[in-house]
Amino acid sequence: MTIATGDRLPQTTLVKVTEAGPEQVSVEEYFGGRRVALFAVPGAFTPTCSARHLPSFVEKADALKAKEIDEIACTSVNDAFVMQAWAKANEAGAITMLADGNGNFAEAVGLTMDGSGFGLGKRSQRYAMIVNDGVVEQLHVEAPGEYRVSSADYLLEQL
C-alpha cells in the first residue's frame, strides 16, 4: 500500500552520505523532531534527475528553508558512493543524500517502479514529500514519465 498524507514513515534504514563516509540511519531517528523536504529520484546520473530534479532543489534550497524546512534530502535506489559522486558532480552540498541501495525504503512507502525495460531494475518512483516529525505532511507523486509535482518550485507553491 502506498503511504499517504498523515501516515508515519515506516521503520527502515537509509544510508546517509557524510564526509566521513556512509552512515546508517534509522528513518525514525533521521526524520524525528524536524521538518524535512524529501524528494526521490529513479536514479542518480539519469537524465531528468540530473538535468532538472536535483538542480531544482539545489537552486531553491534557501527558499525552502525560509518556509520552515529544516533539511532537504534526496533518496534514490543507488548506493551511498554513487549518491556522493552525484552530489559532488552537481555541487549539491545543501542536499542530504540518503541512499536506499536495496530499495527497502521505496518498497516500505509503496513507491517503487519497474525500470527493467531501461536496465534499471526496481527503483523509486519520482516524488516529493514534506515530512514533519516522521509524519507525511504533503505527498506529491509524479505520473509515469512526468516531472512537475515533485519539483522544488511546485513544493514551494504548496508551502
Protein backbone atom coordinates (compact mmCIF):
# COMPACT_ATOMS: atom_id res chain seq x y z
CA MET A 1 0.00 0.00 0.00
CA THR A 2 1.27 3.48 -0.85
CA ILE A 3 1.99 5.85 2.00
CA ALA A 4 -0.44 8.77 2.30
CA THR A 5 -0.63 12.19 3.89
CA GLY A 6 -0.98 11.77 7.66
CA ASP A 7 0.86 8.44 7.74
CA ARG A 8 4.00 7.92 9.80
CA LEU A 9 7.03 6.85 7.77
CA PRO A 10 7.73 3.13 8.12
CA GLN A 11 10.65 1.98 10.21
CA THR A 12 13.55 1.11 7.95
CA THR A 13 17.14 2.19 7.47
CA LEU A 14 18.75 4.51 4.94
CA VAL A 15 22.42 5.28 4.37
CA LYS A 16 23.31 8.92 4.84
CA VAL A 17 26.18 10.24 2.78
CA THR A 18 28.65 12.09 5.04
CA GLU A 19 32.17 13.48 4.66
CA ALA A 20 33.37 10.66 6.92
CA GLY A 21 31.72 8.01 4.74
CA PRO A 22 28.38 6.18 4.65
CA GLU A 23 26.39 6.24 7.89
CA GLN A 24 23.37 4.03 8.51
CA VAL A 25 20.45 6.00 9.94
CA SER A 26 17.04 4.84 11.03
CA VAL A 27 14.13 6.63 9.42
CA GLU A 28 12.71 7.35 12.87
CA GLU A 29 15.96 8.97 14.01
CA TYR A 30 16.59 10.95 10.84
CA PHE A 31 13.09 12.41 10.41
CA GLY A 32 12.25 12.75 14.10
CA GLY A 33 11.78 16.22 15.56
CA ARG A 34 12.15 18.22 12.38
CA ARG A 35 10.53 19.16 9.10
CA VAL A 36 12.22 17.66 6.05
CA ALA A 37 11.61 18.16 2.34
CA LEU A 38 12.36 14.73 0.86
CA PHE A 39 12.47 14.10 -2.85
CA ALA A 40 13.06 10.80 -4.59
CA VAL A 41 14.52 10.13 -8.00
CA PRO A 42 14.65 6.92 -10.05
CA GLY A 43 18.42 7.15 -10.31
CA ALA A 44 21.46 9.33 -9.79
CA PHE A 45 23.08 10.47 -13.05
CA THR A 46 19.92 9.73 -15.05
CA PRO A 47 18.77 12.47 -17.49
CA THR A 48 15.80 14.18 -15.82
CA CYS A 49 17.16 13.59 -12.34
CA SER A 50 20.48 15.25 -13.16
CA ALA A 51 19.30 17.97 -15.53
CA ARG A 52 16.20 19.12 -13.67
CA HIS A 53 15.20 17.41 -10.43
CA LEU A 54 18.32 17.69 -8.26
CA PRO A 55 19.24 21.14 -9.65
CA SER A 56 15.77 22.48 -8.77
CA PHE A 57 16.35 21.65 -5.10
CA VAL A 58 19.92 22.97 -5.11
CA GLU A 59 18.69 26.28 -6.59
CA LYS A 60 15.71 26.58 -4.23
CA ALA A 61 17.35 25.34 -1.02
CA ASP A 62 17.37 28.75 0.66
CA ALA A 63 13.77 29.47 -0.35
CA LEU A 64 12.63 26.11 1.05
CA LYS A 65 14.48 26.68 4.31
CA ALA A 66 12.81 30.08 4.56
CA LYS A 67 9.48 28.16 4.60
CA GLU A 68 10.37 26.36 7.85
CA ILE A 69 12.07 23.39 6.21
CA ASP A 70 14.90 22.21 8.46
CA GLU A 71 16.59 19.95 5.93
CA ILE A 72 16.32 18.94 2.28
CA ALA A 73 17.08 15.32 1.46
CA CYS A 74 17.20 13.21 -1.68
CA THR A 75 16.74 9.46 -1.81
CA SER A 76 17.35 7.04 -4.64
CA VAL A 77 17.83 3.32 -5.12
CA ASN A 78 21.57 3.78 -5.51
CA ASP A 79 24.47 3.08 -3.18
CA ALA A 80 25.97 5.80 -0.99
CA PHE A 81 29.10 6.09 -3.13
CA VAL A 82 27.09 6.83 -6.28
CA MET A 83 24.94 9.31 -4.35
CA GLN A 84 28.08 11.02 -3.02
CA ALA A 85 29.61 11.30 -6.50
CA TRP A 86 26.33 12.63 -7.90
CA ALA A 87 26.08 15.28 -5.18
CA LYS A 88 29.67 16.34 -5.82
CA ALA A 89 29.18 16.47 -9.60
CA ASN A 90 26.12 18.72 -9.09
CA GLU A 91 27.52 20.89 -6.28
CA ALA A 92 24.62 19.71 -4.13
CA GLY A 93 26.17 20.32 -0.71
CA ALA A 94 22.89 21.80 0.58
CA ILE A 95 21.12 18.48 -0.03
CA THR A 96 21.47 15.46 2.27
CA MET A 97 21.82 12.30 0.21
CA LEU A 98 20.04 9.24 1.61
CA ALA A 99 20.96 6.09 -0.26
CA ASP A 100 18.34 3.35 -0.49
CA GLY A 101 20.64 0.83 -2.14
CA ASN A 102 18.35 -2.19 -1.84
CA GLY A 103 15.14 -0.23 -2.33
CA ASN A 104 13.85 -1.11 1.14
CA PHE A 105 12.59 2.42 1.87
CA ALA A 106 10.96 2.78 -1.57
CA GLU A 107 9.23 -0.55 -1.06
CA ALA A 108 8.19 0.28 2.52
CA VAL A 109 6.47 3.50 1.41
CA GLY A 110 4.89 1.71 -1.58
CA LEU A 111 6.55 3.94 -4.17
CA THR A 112 8.57 1.58 -6.34
CA MET A 113 8.61 1.36 -10.11
CA ASP A 114 9.88 -1.28 -12.50
CA GLY A 115 12.69 0.18 -14.59
CA SER A 116 13.68 -3.19 -16.06
CA GLY A 117 12.81 -2.01 -19.56
CA PHE A 118 15.63 0.51 -19.24
CA GLY A 119 18.05 -1.88 -17.50
CA LEU A 120 17.45 -0.21 -14.12
CA GLY A 121 15.57 -2.92 -12.22
CA LYS A 122 13.34 -1.95 -9.32
CA ARG A 123 13.68 1.74 -8.49
CA SER A 124 11.88 4.51 -6.64
CA GLN A 125 9.14 6.47 -8.28
CA ARG A 126 9.74 10.20 -8.65
CA TYR A 127 8.07 12.11 -5.82
CA ALA A 128 8.49 14.82 -3.20
CA MET A 129 7.10 14.92 0.30
CA ILE A 130 7.19 17.10 3.36
CA VAL A 131 7.81 15.04 6.49
CA ASN A 132 7.10 16.67 9.84
CA ASP A 133 8.48 14.73 12.82
CA GLY A 134 8.22 11.47 10.90
CA VAL A 135 4.68 12.08 9.60
CA VAL A 136 3.90 12.78 5.95
CA GLU A 137 2.51 16.30 5.78
CA GLN A 138 2.43 16.51 1.96
CA LEU A 139 2.99 13.91 -0.77
CA HIS A 140 3.37 14.66 -4.48
CA VAL A 141 3.89 11.60 -6.69
CA GLU A 142 4.62 12.01 -10.38
CA ALA A 143 2.71 10.17 -13.07
CA PRO A 144 4.99 7.84 -15.06
CA GLY A 145 7.36 9.82 -17.27
CA GLU A 146 6.35 13.16 -15.74
CA TYR A 147 8.32 15.80 -13.88
CA ARG A 148 6.17 18.54 -12.37
CA VAL A 149 4.69 17.95 -8.91
CA SER A 150 7.94 16.72 -7.39
CA SER A 151 9.94 19.81 -8.35
CA ALA A 152 11.24 22.30 -5.81
CA ASP A 153 9.16 25.03 -7.49
CA TYR A 154 5.94 23.06 -7.06
CA LEU A 155 6.79 22.22 -3.46
CA LEU A 156 7.43 25.89 -2.71
CA GLU A 157 4.00 26.77 -4.16
CA GLN A 158 2.41 24.23 -1.80
CA LEU A 159 4.16 25.64 1.25
